[in-house]
Amino acid sequence: MAVNSNKNIPIILGVVVIALLGFVAYGALNTPDQRSPGEKVGDAIDQLDNGVDNAARELEDRTPVERIKDDIDDATDSSLE
């Protein structure tokens, strides 16, 4: 019986590591926007070449997931034009 439990240890460790990586990734991608107001204005000025909508979006508090989604939407919208 002890031999079978030794075979399960790598599987259990793998599941635990995957669960921990998922938890860390979820937490990192949902952290609040920590840019200062000056950084937000600077990012908005940098985005003016891409349109006023993109520049205004830089002034909002958004999580990294929201920023990635917006970048993907912008990339797919521009390829259809």
N, C-alpha and C. Protein backbone atom coordinates (compact mmCIF):
# COMPACT_ATOMS: atom_id res chain seq x y z
N MET A 1 0.82 -1.19 0.00
CA MET A 1 0.00 0.00 0.00
C MET A 1 0.86 1.25 0.00
N ALA A 2 2.00 1.22 0.66
CA ALA A 2 2.87 2.38 0.71
C ALA A 2 3.49 2.67 -0.65
N VAL A 3 3.67 1.65 -1.47
CA VAL A 3 4.25 1.84 -2.79
C VAL A 3 3.31 2.67 -3.66
N ASN A 4 2.01 2.44 -3.60
CA ASN A 4 1.05 3.20 -4.39
C ASN A 4 1.00 4.66 -3.98
N SER A 5 1.12 4.94 -2.70
CA SER A 5 1.06 6.33 -2.25
C SER A 5 2.29 7.10 -2.72
N ASN A 6 3.42 6.44 -2.86
CA ASN A 6 4.62 7.12 -3.38
C ASN A 6 4.46 7.49 -4.84
N LYS A 7 3.69 6.74 -5.61
CA LYS A 7 3.46 7.05 -7.02
C LYS A 7 2.52 8.25 -7.17
N ASN A 8 1.68 8.49 -6.19
CA ASN A 8 0.71 9.59 -6.26
C ASN A 8 1.31 10.93 -5.86
N ILE A 9 2.44 10.93 -5.20
CA ILE A 9 3.04 12.17 -4.72
C ILE A 9 3.35 13.14 -5.86
N PRO A 10 3.99 12.71 -6.97
CA PRO A 10 4.25 13.66 -8.05
C PRO A 10 2.96 14.22 -8.67
N ILE A 11 1.93 13.43 -8.75
CA ILE A 11 0.66 13.89 -9.29
C ILE A 11 0.05 14.95 -8.38
N ILE A 12 0.07 14.68 -7.09
CA ILE A 12 -0.49 15.63 -6.13
C ILE A 12 0.31 16.93 -6.14
N LEU A 13 1.63 16.83 -6.18
CA LEU A 13 2.47 18.03 -6.23
C LEU A 13 2.22 18.82 -7.51
N GLY A 14 2.05 18.13 -8.62
CA GLY A 14 1.74 18.81 -9.88
C GLY A 14 0.44 19.57 -9.82
N VAL A 15 -0.59 18.96 -9.24
CA VAL A 15 -1.88 19.62 -9.11
C VAL A 15 -1.77 20.84 -8.20
N VAL A 16 -1.04 20.72 -7.11
CA VAL A 16 -0.86 21.83 -6.19
C VAL A 16 -0.11 22.98 -6.87
N VAL A 17 0.93 22.67 -7.62
CA VAL A 17 1.71 23.71 -8.31
C VAL A 17 0.85 24.41 -9.35
N ILE A 18 0.08 23.66 -10.12
CA ILE A 18 -0.80 24.26 -11.13
C ILE A 18 -1.85 25.15 -10.46
N ALA A 19 -2.41 24.70 -9.36
CA ALA A 19 -3.40 25.50 -8.65
C ALA A 19 -2.78 26.79 -8.12
N LEU A 20 -1.59 26.72 -7.58
CA LEU A 20 -0.91 27.92 -7.08
C LEU A 20 -0.58 28.89 -8.21
N LEU A 21 -0.12 28.37 -9.34
CA LEU A 21 0.16 29.24 -10.49
C LEU A 21 -1.10 29.92 -10.99
N GLY A 22 -2.19 29.19 -11.01
CA GLY A 22 -3.47 29.77 -11.43
C GLY A 22 -3.92 30.87 -10.48
N PHE A 23 -3.77 30.65 -9.20
CA PHE A 23 -4.15 31.64 -8.20
C PHE A 23 -3.30 32.90 -8.32
N VAL A 24 -2.00 32.73 -8.50
CA VAL A 24 -1.10 33.88 -8.64
C VAL A 24 -1.41 34.65 -9.92
N ALA A 25 -1.64 33.94 -11.02
CA ALA A 25 -1.96 34.60 -12.29
C ALA A 25 -3.27 35.37 -12.18
N TYR A 26 -4.27 34.77 -11.56
CA TYR A 26 -5.56 35.45 -11.38
C TYR A 26 -5.38 36.73 -10.57
N GLY A 27 -4.62 36.64 -9.50
CA GLY A 27 -4.39 37.81 -8.66
C GLY A 27 -3.61 38.89 -9.38
N ALA A 28 -2.60 38.50 -10.16
CA ALA A 28 -1.79 39.48 -10.88
C ALA A 28 -2.58 40.18 -11.97
N LEU A 29 -3.44 39.45 -12.65
CA LEU A 29 -4.20 40.04 -13.75
C LEU A 29 -5.40 40.86 -13.28
N ASN A 30 -5.76 40.76 -12.03
CA ASN A 30 -6.90 41.52 -11.52
C ASN A 30 -6.51 42.56 -10.47
N THR A 31 -5.23 42.93 -10.45
CA THR A 31 -4.80 43.97 -9.53
C THR A 31 -5.33 45.32 -10.00
N PRO A 32 -5.62 46.21 -9.09
CA PRO A 32 -6.11 47.53 -9.49
C PRO A 32 -5.01 48.34 -10.18
N ASP A 33 -5.44 49.31 -10.94
CA ASP A 33 -4.53 50.20 -11.66
C ASP A 33 -3.76 51.04 -10.64
N GLN A 34 -2.45 50.96 -10.64
CA GLN A 34 -1.65 51.66 -9.65
C GLN A 34 -0.85 52.81 -10.26
N ARG A 35 -1.26 53.25 -11.45
CA ARG A 35 -0.56 54.38 -12.08
C ARG A 35 -0.98 55.68 -11.39
N SER A 36 -0.04 56.60 -11.30
CA SER A 36 -0.35 57.91 -10.73
C SER A 36 -1.12 58.72 -11.77
N PRO A 37 -1.79 59.79 -11.33
CA PRO A 37 -2.50 60.64 -12.31
C PRO A 37 -1.57 61.17 -13.40
N GLY A 38 -0.35 61.50 -13.06
CA GLY A 38 0.60 61.98 -14.06
C GLY A 38 0.92 60.91 -15.10
N GLU A 39 1.07 59.66 -14.65
CA GLU A 39 1.33 58.57 -15.58
C GLU A 39 0.14 58.33 -16.50
N LYS A 40 -1.07 58.46 -15.95
CA LYS A 40 -2.27 58.28 -16.77
C LYS A 40 -2.36 59.35 -17.85
N VAL A 41 -2.06 60.59 -17.48
CA VAL A 41 -2.09 61.68 -18.46
C VAL A 41 -1.01 61.46 -19.52
N GLY A 42 0.17 61.04 -19.11
CA GLY A 42 1.25 60.76 -20.05
C GLY A 42 0.87 59.65 -21.03
N ASP A 43 0.24 58.58 -20.51
CA ASP A 43 -0.21 57.49 -21.38
C ASP A 43 -1.29 57.97 -22.34
N ALA A 44 -2.18 58.85 -21.85
CA ALA A 44 -3.24 59.39 -22.71
C ALA A 44 -2.64 60.23 -23.83
N ILE A 45 -1.64 61.03 -23.52
CA ILE A 45 -0.98 61.85 -24.55
C ILE A 45 -0.30 60.95 -25.58
N ASP A 46 0.32 59.88 -25.12
CA ASP A 46 0.97 58.95 -26.04
C ASP A 46 -0.04 58.28 -26.97
N GLN A 47 -1.27 58.09 -26.51
CA GLN A 47 -2.29 57.40 -27.30
C GLN A 47 -3.08 58.33 -28.22
N LEU A 48 -2.83 59.62 -28.17
CA LEU A 48 -3.58 60.56 -29.02
C LEU A 48 -3.43 60.25 -30.51
N ASP A 49 -2.28 59.72 -30.91
CA ASP A 49 -2.09 59.35 -32.32
C ASP A 49 -3.02 58.23 -32.74
N ASN A 50 -3.45 57.41 -31.80
CA ASN A 50 -4.34 56.28 -32.10
C ASN A 50 -5.81 56.65 -31.97
N GLY A 51 -6.11 57.88 -31.64
CA GLY A 51 -7.50 58.32 -31.54
C GLY A 51 -7.83 58.83 -30.15
N VAL A 52 -8.82 59.69 -30.12
CA VAL A 52 -9.24 60.30 -28.86
C VAL A 52 -9.84 59.25 -27.92
N ASP A 53 -10.55 58.27 -28.50
CA ASP A 53 -11.15 57.22 -27.66
C ASP A 53 -10.08 56.44 -26.91
N ASN A 54 -9.00 56.09 -27.59
CA ASN A 54 -7.92 55.36 -26.92
C ASN A 54 -7.24 56.22 -25.87
N ALA A 55 -7.09 57.51 -26.16
CA ALA A 55 -6.47 58.41 -25.19
C ALA A 55 -7.35 58.55 -23.94
N ALA A 56 -8.65 58.69 -24.14
CA ALA A 56 -9.56 58.82 -23.01
C ALA A 56 -9.60 57.54 -22.18
N ARG A 57 -9.45 56.42 -22.83
CA ARG A 57 -9.47 55.13 -22.13
C ARG A 57 -8.28 55.02 -21.17
N GLU A 58 -7.17 55.66 -21.51
CA GLU A 58 -5.98 55.61 -20.65
C GLU A 58 -6.19 56.34 -19.33
N LEU A 59 -7.16 57.22 -19.26
CA LEU A 59 -7.42 57.98 -18.03
C LEU A 59 -8.25 57.19 -17.02
N GLU A 60 -8.83 56.08 -17.46
CA GLU A 60 -9.69 55.27 -16.58
C GLU A 60 -8.85 54.30 -15.77
N ASP A 61 -9.38 53.92 -14.60
CA ASP A 61 -8.76 52.86 -13.81
C ASP A 61 -9.20 51.53 -14.41
N ARG A 62 -8.21 50.76 -14.90
CA ARG A 62 -8.52 49.46 -15.49
C ARG A 62 -7.52 48.43 -15.01
N THR A 63 -7.98 47.20 -14.89
CA THR A 63 -7.10 46.10 -14.51
C THR A 63 -6.30 45.66 -15.72
N PRO A 64 -5.21 44.92 -15.51
CA PRO A 64 -4.45 44.42 -16.65
C PRO A 64 -5.29 43.59 -17.62
N VAL A 65 -6.25 42.84 -17.11
CA VAL A 65 -7.12 42.04 -17.98
C VAL A 65 -7.93 42.96 -18.89
N GLU A 66 -8.45 44.04 -18.36
CA GLU A 66 -9.22 44.99 -19.17
C GLU A 66 -8.32 45.66 -20.21
N ARG A 67 -7.09 45.96 -19.84
CA ARG A 67 -6.17 46.58 -20.79
C ARG A 67 -5.82 45.61 -21.92
N ILE A 68 -5.59 44.36 -21.59
CA ILE A 68 -5.29 43.35 -22.61
C ILE A 68 -6.48 43.16 -23.54
N LYS A 69 -7.68 43.11 -22.96
CA LYS A 69 -8.88 42.96 -23.78
C LYS A 69 -9.03 44.14 -24.74
N ASP A 70 -8.79 45.35 -24.26
CA ASP A 70 -8.87 46.53 -25.13
C ASP A 70 -7.83 46.47 -26.24
N ASP A 71 -6.62 46.02 -25.92
CA ASP A 71 -5.58 45.91 -26.94
C ASP A 71 -5.97 44.88 -28.01
N ILE A 72 -6.55 43.79 -27.59
CA ILE A 72 -7.00 42.77 -28.55
C ILE A 72 -8.13 43.31 -29.40
N ASP A 73 -9.08 43.99 -28.78
CA ASP A 73 -10.18 44.59 -29.54
C ASP A 73 -9.67 45.61 -30.54
N ASP A 74 -8.71 46.44 -30.15
CA ASP A 74 -8.14 47.43 -31.05
C ASP A 74 -7.43 46.75 -32.22
N ALA A 75 -6.71 45.69 -31.94
CA ALA A 75 -5.97 44.98 -33.00
C ALA A 75 -6.92 44.34 -34.00
N THR A 76 -8.00 43.76 -33.52
CA THR A 76 -8.93 43.11 -34.45
C THR A 76 -9.78 44.13 -35.17
N ASP A 77 -10.12 45.25 -34.55
CA ASP A 77 -10.91 46.29 -35.22
C ASP A 77 -10.12 46.95 -36.34
N SER A 78 -8.84 47.20 -36.11
CA SER A 78 -8.04 47.89 -37.13
C SER A 78 -7.76 46.99 -38.32
N SER A 79 -7.75 45.68 -38.12
CA SER A 79 -7.47 44.78 -39.25
C SER A 79 -8.70 44.65 -40.16
N LEU A 80 -9.89 45.00 -39.67
CA LEU A 80 -11.10 44.89 -40.48
C LEU A 80 -11.32 46.12 -41.34
N GLU A 81 -10.63 47.20 -41.06
CA GLU A 81 -10.84 48.44 -41.82
C GLU A 81 -10.10 48.43 -43.11
